[in-house]
Amino acid sequence: MMMTGESHKNAAGGIKSPFGDLQDDESQRFRVITPFPSPKLSDLPMFQGDHKESLYWGTYRPQVYFGVRARTPQSLVAGLMWLGSKDDGKHVMRHFCENSDDLESFGWREHNGIDFGRQELLEQDMILETSFVKSKEGSLGYGGDWSIRINVKNKRLSDDVKKRVHLFFYLADEGGNGMNLGKDVFEFKESSLLASGSSADVGKWQMHLKSQNNLETHYCGFKTPDIVNLSDIVQQNLDVQERKSGRLQLSDTSEDSSSIYVFQISTTTQSTVDIAFVSGIRGETCDVEQRIMSLTGLSLSSLLEEKHIEFDAKFKECFHLSEKLDSETLMVGKAAIGNMLGGIGYFYGQSKIQAPKSTQLQPNKSEDDFLLYWPAELYTAVPSRPVFPRGFLWDEGFHQLLIWRWDFRITLEIVGNWLDLMNIDGWIPREQILGDEALSKIPKEYVVQIPSNGNPPTLLLVIRDLINGIRTEKFNKEERDEILSFLDRAFVRLDAWFQWFNTSQKGKEVGSYFWHGRDSLTTRQLNPQSLSSGLDDYPRASHPTEDERHVDLRCWMYLAADCMNSIIEFLGEKDRPETVDYSSIVKLLSDFNQLNQMHYDHDHGAYLDFGNHTEDVRLIWKELTGEDGRVSRELVRETFGKPELRLVPHIGYVSFFPFMFRIIPPDSSILEKQLDLIANRSIVWSDYGLLSLGKTSSLYMKYNTEHEAPYWRGAIWMNMNYMILSSLHHYSIVDGPYSDKARTIYEELRSNLIRNVVRNYDQTGYIWEHYDQTKGTGEGARVFTGWSALILLIMSEEYPLF
């Protein structure tokens, strides 16, 4: 039996709606920003105690080149800046990650997600190596002590000329608490106390600098920790001092009760700088000195080597890579998992949510018509540190396919954090921009989230994979019980999420769905985007209406229903509130005949969307007169043919969703047609991977507006290639007349993907967002280790089971 969203909430939460006495529009306004009424997953016992403390400190600031913080809303925050060289020889202050060519490459070479990471940053004329490690030994502070090592090396081994280097290490208190400046900052002799203070979580703490090299140190302190603009503030301080004294050094001044200190550490290449943080200090000076000794110098070298060996051993244990793979390929595999884990961040803030239309008092919608979500935290793996350093809902499921194989507890906590962001209607904002640092890295027009728009429920993809891991005995009894305990509490939220999709995104026909949020009134977009689908500008019906049927969303709903059904089977019949009959929905959405009636085109031999469509739409230049009377020339959308309800003739990733989700029987002739379509060089096949949109499409590589370059209109994306490759592997091992053909295509596609990613990494030092459809060159965001890191699972031939 299908229940309404409100009756579900009353059944699940056992409460009456808190909005019963309000008018409908005001009630809806409050519903949007009201948390889901069930215990938070982050409060589960498995995420408390030692687990929580072990993850307290970390490199949870992926948006900067190097940063440390705690998983708490008002944390002590540490970070590194330095003066780097641009291509034109000018200097620039490096701080926030940038997607530019100025820095030759950067990224984590190793990271274990908990207490160790090693990163390399290649400048034009030097290499910075930053290492981070935590230690609980001897520490009385919550979360333990930690240390940073900064190695500065000449770029060329043959270069023995030492170059001047200016590093800027800072420490800030987000709560605005003042810190004490160390007394021996000016007189550095191998060791120096930089700063000290106290916080409720970790007690009394100290930050020490240590090095065997000649260092010159200066500082400046500010009362307000404006980290977003810190590099500009520091640069201004340097400029003033340079004009005064002719020297590139900070002012050695601080405001009263400074809550942020920046320490300039000037040295040369071929130098090593250690910075140690110790907490829980209780007055024993000798104890503090001993702990500093254990976190610096030779002791730190030994600890880092120990962690490096452990990383290598765990990498082999988790991914079982064939010894046939060469060293370059293995290096890319380690960079994939290292950057994925090193890209995990902690964010805190309030999302901005579009106010329901009926409550907007002004006739014209503006970017300022928003409501604030409740204050929330998010522990998440970001897609790309320089371009997308924030949480993305549909990306996260792909991230966790990789991460759970490394540490399933990290995966469960991240999934739990996302589900805790659910509102009372079962909706989760698809993009999380929490805090000033996250806001500084996103265009204003993408900040406000729309509560009628969804995003592919990929979290269920990883949950389904974990369930299959239990079935195939990849977990011991203790681990199995933890996963099932998590699912038991998560069920009511997952159920609400499914029901939100099943009601808000359903189509007119039984078993049909369409992504809401497309702009039916646009005069700028050649084909109105479907951002909520995750495939952005992938072409859909030219004229959005409620008659649309999106084949990809139907398949996601099949996966979601099948996953929910599996959870029920594993947990057994319990005293749960009445919910959806998932087995019936699975039966409906796996009905091969109905799928074909709704979406299969016999002429193309492909699955297609359905909607109000004409191919005769173009962008043309027009002279437009504005309100001020000025005439401008703009590129606008014009329709020259009459749209009609029909299948939308664009072959690409969407066409392979029934194949990806293995709805096609292995003995069906349609499977052979799908295999032929995948391998067709005139449509989606290339030597570098499968194209997002077929070359036969009228919108192949077409701009969507004057300035919006094609995104999902030809480029090669790793997440969809991984899903297709996964199903090729499946159909190659099940009984059927086309298994040999599937195996041949699988082996060639896998080889092409690995070879191209490794080639690009070797040439550029990066794993990329997507790859060019004709040359295979990396494009878009650098350090996209995000779902492009799935190349590691392709190397190890680890695929989700359905």
Foldseek 3Di string as FASTA:
>chain_A
DADALQVLLCQFQVDHQPCVPPDPQVSQLVQVQFFRRADFLCPDPVNDDPNQLQAQKDQFQLQWLTKIWGQDAWTKIKFKWWWAAAPVGDTDIGTTDAQDPQWLFKAWLADQLGFKTWMWTHGPWKIWIKIKGFDQPLAPFRSGKMKIKIAIATPDPVDPDWDKIKMKMKIFTSVLFFKAAWPCQQPDDQKTWGIWDADPRTGTKTKMKGWPFDKGKAKEFERHCPPQCVSVVLVVQQVVVCVVPVDRGGDNYYDPRGRMMMMMIMGIHRTMMMMMMGTPDDPDPVSVVVVVVCCDDPNVVVVNVVVVVVRVVLLCVLQVFDPVDDPLLVSLLNRLVSRQSSQWHKFKAWAWAARPPVPDPDPDDDLPRTDTHPIAMATAGFQFNNQTSWDAQQLRLLSVLPVCSSPVVSVLSRLSRQLSQAGNQLAGFRTDQGDDNSVSRDDSVPRYGYRLFAAQNSVLVVLLQVLVCVVVVVDDPVVVVVSLVSCVSCLSSLQSNLSSQVPSFAAPDVLFGHTPDFDQPFFFFLATFRVSHVLTVPHAARGDDSNKGQLLVSLSSLSSLVSSVSSCVVNDDDPRRDGDPSVVSNVVSLPPVVQCVQFADPVLLWGFMWDFHDPQKDWDWDWDADPVRDTDIFTTIDGDDGTDTDTDPWDFLSRCSCLLSVSDDLADVSVVSVLCQQCDPQFFDDLQAGFRTTPPDPCQQNAGGPPRGDDSRGWAAQVSRQSNLLSLCVSLPDDYPCNVSSVVVSVSRLVNNSVLQSVQCVVRVFRARTAGRHPRHHDDGTNSSRSSSCNSCSSSVDHRDD
